[in-house]
Amino acid sequence: MQRELELKGECKTFLVARRGRNFQVTLGDTTHEANLRQVQGAEHILTIADKPYRVQLAAEGDNVFVHFGRQAHKVSLTDPLLRAASEAAEGGDNSTAPMPGTVVSISVSAGDTISKGATLLVIESMKLQTTISAWRDGVVAEVNLKEGDTFDRGDFLVSLEPEEE
């Protein structure tokens, strides 16, 4: 499951895979084996690469408050695809890349009339393919990339304009 982690104003994309009772966490090119075990209440033991850490956790929505050592941190976890879809649903005309990746295929061209939910393009990031769908009815104003192009998080992928009546 791919997520974005925001800590101290810095956003990182990471991948979490369950392996039995443990997790495999990949951040960039580095993968760590991890385990989280609740001791009592908010107190947990977080084990990373066979090294245990005593932490206290409290969750509120997409935020997790982590007390570790003598410091407390607010960590925000979001699904980059849900965030991008939410931003698009707020009436924006541009679809932006939820994470860095490569364009696998493009299903539309400028001038095409599309309906909400139509496939615009397929991207690949961290070996996972994701379909970017139309967030509303409209006309494709611009497709900003070609198949095989790479892009960064936040780059414009496709622009829509309202359908003429």
Protein backbone atom coordinates (compact mmCIF):
# COMPACT_ATOMS: atom_id res chain seq x y z
CA MET A 1 0.00 0.00 0.00
CA GLN A 2 1.55 3.28 -1.08
CA ARG A 3 1.24 6.28 1.23
CA GLU A 4 2.67 9.74 1.71
CA LEU A 5 4.22 10.61 5.04
CA GLU A 6 4.55 14.23 6.10
CA LEU A 7 6.90 14.87 8.98
CA LYS A 8 8.23 18.29 9.93
CA GLY A 9 6.83 19.75 6.68
CA GLU A 10 8.67 17.27 4.46
CA CYS A 11 6.62 14.84 2.34
CA LYS A 12 7.94 11.36 1.50
CA THR A 13 6.29 8.56 -0.49
CA PHE A 14 6.68 5.09 0.97
CA LEU A 15 5.37 1.58 0.36
CA VAL A 16 4.18 -0.83 3.05
CA ALA A 17 3.76 -4.56 2.46
CA ARG A 18 2.53 -7.01 5.09
CA ARG A 19 4.71 -10.08 5.62
CA GLY A 20 2.90 -12.29 8.12
CA ARG A 21 2.97 -10.42 11.44
CA ASN A 22 5.68 -8.06 10.19
CA PHE A 23 5.81 -5.29 7.62
CA GLN A 24 8.26 -4.41 4.91
CA VAL A 25 8.60 -0.62 4.60
CA THR A 26 10.28 0.84 1.50
CA LEU A 27 11.31 4.50 1.50
CA GLY A 28 13.22 5.49 -1.62
CA ASP A 29 15.75 2.72 -2.37
CA THR A 30 15.84 1.46 1.22
CA THR A 31 13.69 -1.37 2.58
CA HIS A 32 13.31 -2.16 6.30
CA GLU A 33 11.65 -5.04 8.11
CA ALA A 34 9.39 -3.68 10.84
CA ASN A 35 7.02 -4.86 13.53
CA LEU A 36 4.65 -2.86 15.75
CA ARG A 37 3.35 -4.49 18.92
CA GLN A 38 1.00 -2.85 21.40
CA VAL A 39 2.15 -3.18 25.00
CA GLN A 40 -0.64 -1.36 26.85
CA GLY A 41 -2.89 1.53 25.85
CA ALA A 42 -0.92 3.94 23.65
CA GLU A 43 2.42 2.28 24.46
CA HIS A 44 3.94 0.19 21.63
CA ILE A 45 7.20 -1.50 20.76
CA LEU A 46 8.34 -0.60 17.23
CA THR A 47 11.04 -2.96 15.97
CA ILE A 48 12.99 -1.91 12.88
CA ALA A 49 15.83 -4.11 11.58
CA ASP A 50 15.78 -6.13 14.85
CA LYS A 51 16.20 -2.98 16.97
CA PRO A 52 13.28 -2.28 19.37
CA TYR A 53 12.04 1.23 20.19
CA ARG A 54 9.46 2.12 22.83
CA VAL A 55 6.93 4.58 21.35
CA GLN A 56 3.56 6.00 22.31
CA LEU A 57 1.00 6.47 19.54
CA ALA A 58 -2.24 8.39 19.27
CA ALA A 59 -4.25 8.71 16.06
CA GLU A 60 -6.63 11.46 15.00
CA GLY A 61 -7.94 11.17 11.43
CA ASP A 62 -4.99 10.96 9.03
CA ASN A 63 -2.61 12.18 11.73
CA VAL A 64 -0.58 9.99 14.06
CA PHE A 65 1.13 11.54 17.06
CA VAL A 66 4.33 9.67 17.92
CA HIS A 67 6.13 10.19 21.22
CA PHE A 68 9.63 8.76 20.90
CA GLY A 69 12.44 9.37 23.35
CA ARG A 70 11.94 12.91 24.61
CA GLN A 71 10.30 14.24 21.45
CA ALA A 72 6.76 14.21 20.09
CA HIS A 73 6.09 14.22 16.35
CA LYS A 74 2.95 14.74 14.32
CA VAL A 75 2.97 12.43 11.31
CA SER A 76 0.36 12.83 8.57
CA LEU A 77 -0.41 9.80 6.45
CA THR A 78 -2.33 10.15 3.20
CA ASP A 79 -3.10 8.05 0.17
CA PRO A 80 -1.61 10.08 -2.72
CA LEU A 81 -4.30 8.92 -5.15
CA LEU A 82 -7.15 9.87 -2.83
CA ARG A 83 -5.51 13.25 -2.21
CA ALA A 84 -5.17 13.90 -5.95
CA ALA A 85 -8.76 12.82 -6.57
CA SER A 86 -9.97 15.05 -3.76
CA GLU A 87 -8.09 18.04 -5.14
CA ALA A 88 -9.51 17.39 -8.60
CA ALA A 89 -13.03 17.04 -7.20
CA GLU A 90 -12.75 20.52 -5.74
CA GLY A 91 -13.29 21.87 -9.25
CA GLY A 92 -9.75 22.06 -10.56
CA ASP A 93 -9.06 21.76 -14.26
CA ASN A 94 -5.71 19.97 -13.93
CA SER A 95 -4.78 16.49 -12.84
CA THR A 96 -1.42 16.51 -11.08
CA ALA A 97 0.87 13.55 -10.47
CA PRO A 98 0.28 12.06 -7.01
CA MET A 99 3.85 10.67 -7.01
CA PRO A 100 6.85 10.49 -9.37
CA GLY A 101 6.61 7.88 -12.10
CA THR A 102 6.36 6.99 -15.78
CA VAL A 103 3.45 7.21 -18.23
CA VAL A 104 2.48 3.67 -19.30
CA SER A 105 -0.41 4.51 -21.63
CA ILE A 106 -2.60 7.45 -22.65
CA SER A 107 -6.28 6.89 -23.51
CA VAL A 108 -7.30 10.43 -24.58
CA SER A 109 -6.19 13.29 -26.82
CA ALA A 110 -6.76 17.03 -26.70
CA GLY A 111 -10.30 17.80 -27.87
CA ASP A 112 -11.81 14.49 -26.70
CA THR A 113 -15.12 14.77 -24.83
CA ILE A 114 -14.99 12.57 -21.73
CA SER A 115 -17.31 11.55 -18.91
CA LYS A 116 -16.54 11.39 -15.22
CA GLY A 117 -14.70 8.13 -14.47
CA ALA A 118 -13.25 7.69 -17.99
CA THR A 119 -9.65 6.46 -18.10
CA LEU A 120 -7.29 9.31 -19.01
CA LEU A 121 -3.95 7.58 -18.59
CA VAL A 122 -2.12 4.85 -16.73
CA ILE A 123 1.02 5.66 -14.74
CA GLU A 124 3.57 3.47 -13.00
CA SER A 125 5.31 4.36 -9.77
CA MET A 126 7.33 2.08 -7.51
CA LYS A 127 6.36 -0.92 -9.72
CA LEU A 128 2.62 -0.24 -9.24
CA GLN A 129 0.37 0.79 -12.12
CA THR A 130 -2.38 3.32 -11.37
CA THR A 131 -5.22 4.48 -13.59
CA ILE A 132 -5.86 8.24 -13.59
CA SER A 133 -9.57 8.78 -14.27
CA ALA A 134 -11.60 11.85 -15.20
CA TRP A 135 -12.85 13.56 -12.04
CA ARG A 136 -15.69 15.25 -13.93
CA ASP A 137 -17.30 15.50 -17.38
CA GLY A 138 -15.51 17.78 -19.80
CA VAL A 139 -13.25 18.17 -22.81
CA VAL A 140 -9.57 17.25 -22.70
CA ALA A 141 -7.76 20.57 -23.08
CA GLU A 142 -4.23 19.19 -22.99
CA VAL A 143 -2.32 15.98 -22.37
CA ASN A 144 1.00 17.18 -21.02
CA LEU A 145 3.06 13.99 -21.46
CA LYS A 146 3.68 11.14 -23.91
CA GLU A 147 3.87 7.40 -23.28
CA GLY A 148 7.22 6.58 -21.68
CA ASP A 149 7.72 10.10 -20.27
CA THR A 150 8.77 10.39 -16.63
CA PHE A 151 7.34 12.98 -14.26
CA ASP A 152 7.71 14.26 -10.70
CA ARG A 153 5.13 14.52 -7.95
CA GLY A 154 2.91 17.55 -8.61
CA ASP A 155 3.59 17.74 -12.37
CA PHE A 156 0.52 18.42 -14.55
CA LEU A 157 -0.69 15.30 -16.35
CA VAL A 158 -3.99 16.20 -18.05
CA SER A 159 -6.04 19.42 -18.23
CA LEU A 160 -9.81 19.51 -18.68
CA GLU A 161 -12.13 22.30 -19.67
CA PRO A 162 -15.91 22.39 -19.23
CA GLU A 163 -17.99 20.74 -21.94
CA GLU A 164 -19.61 23.30 -24.24
CA GLU A 165 -23.38 23.25 -24.23
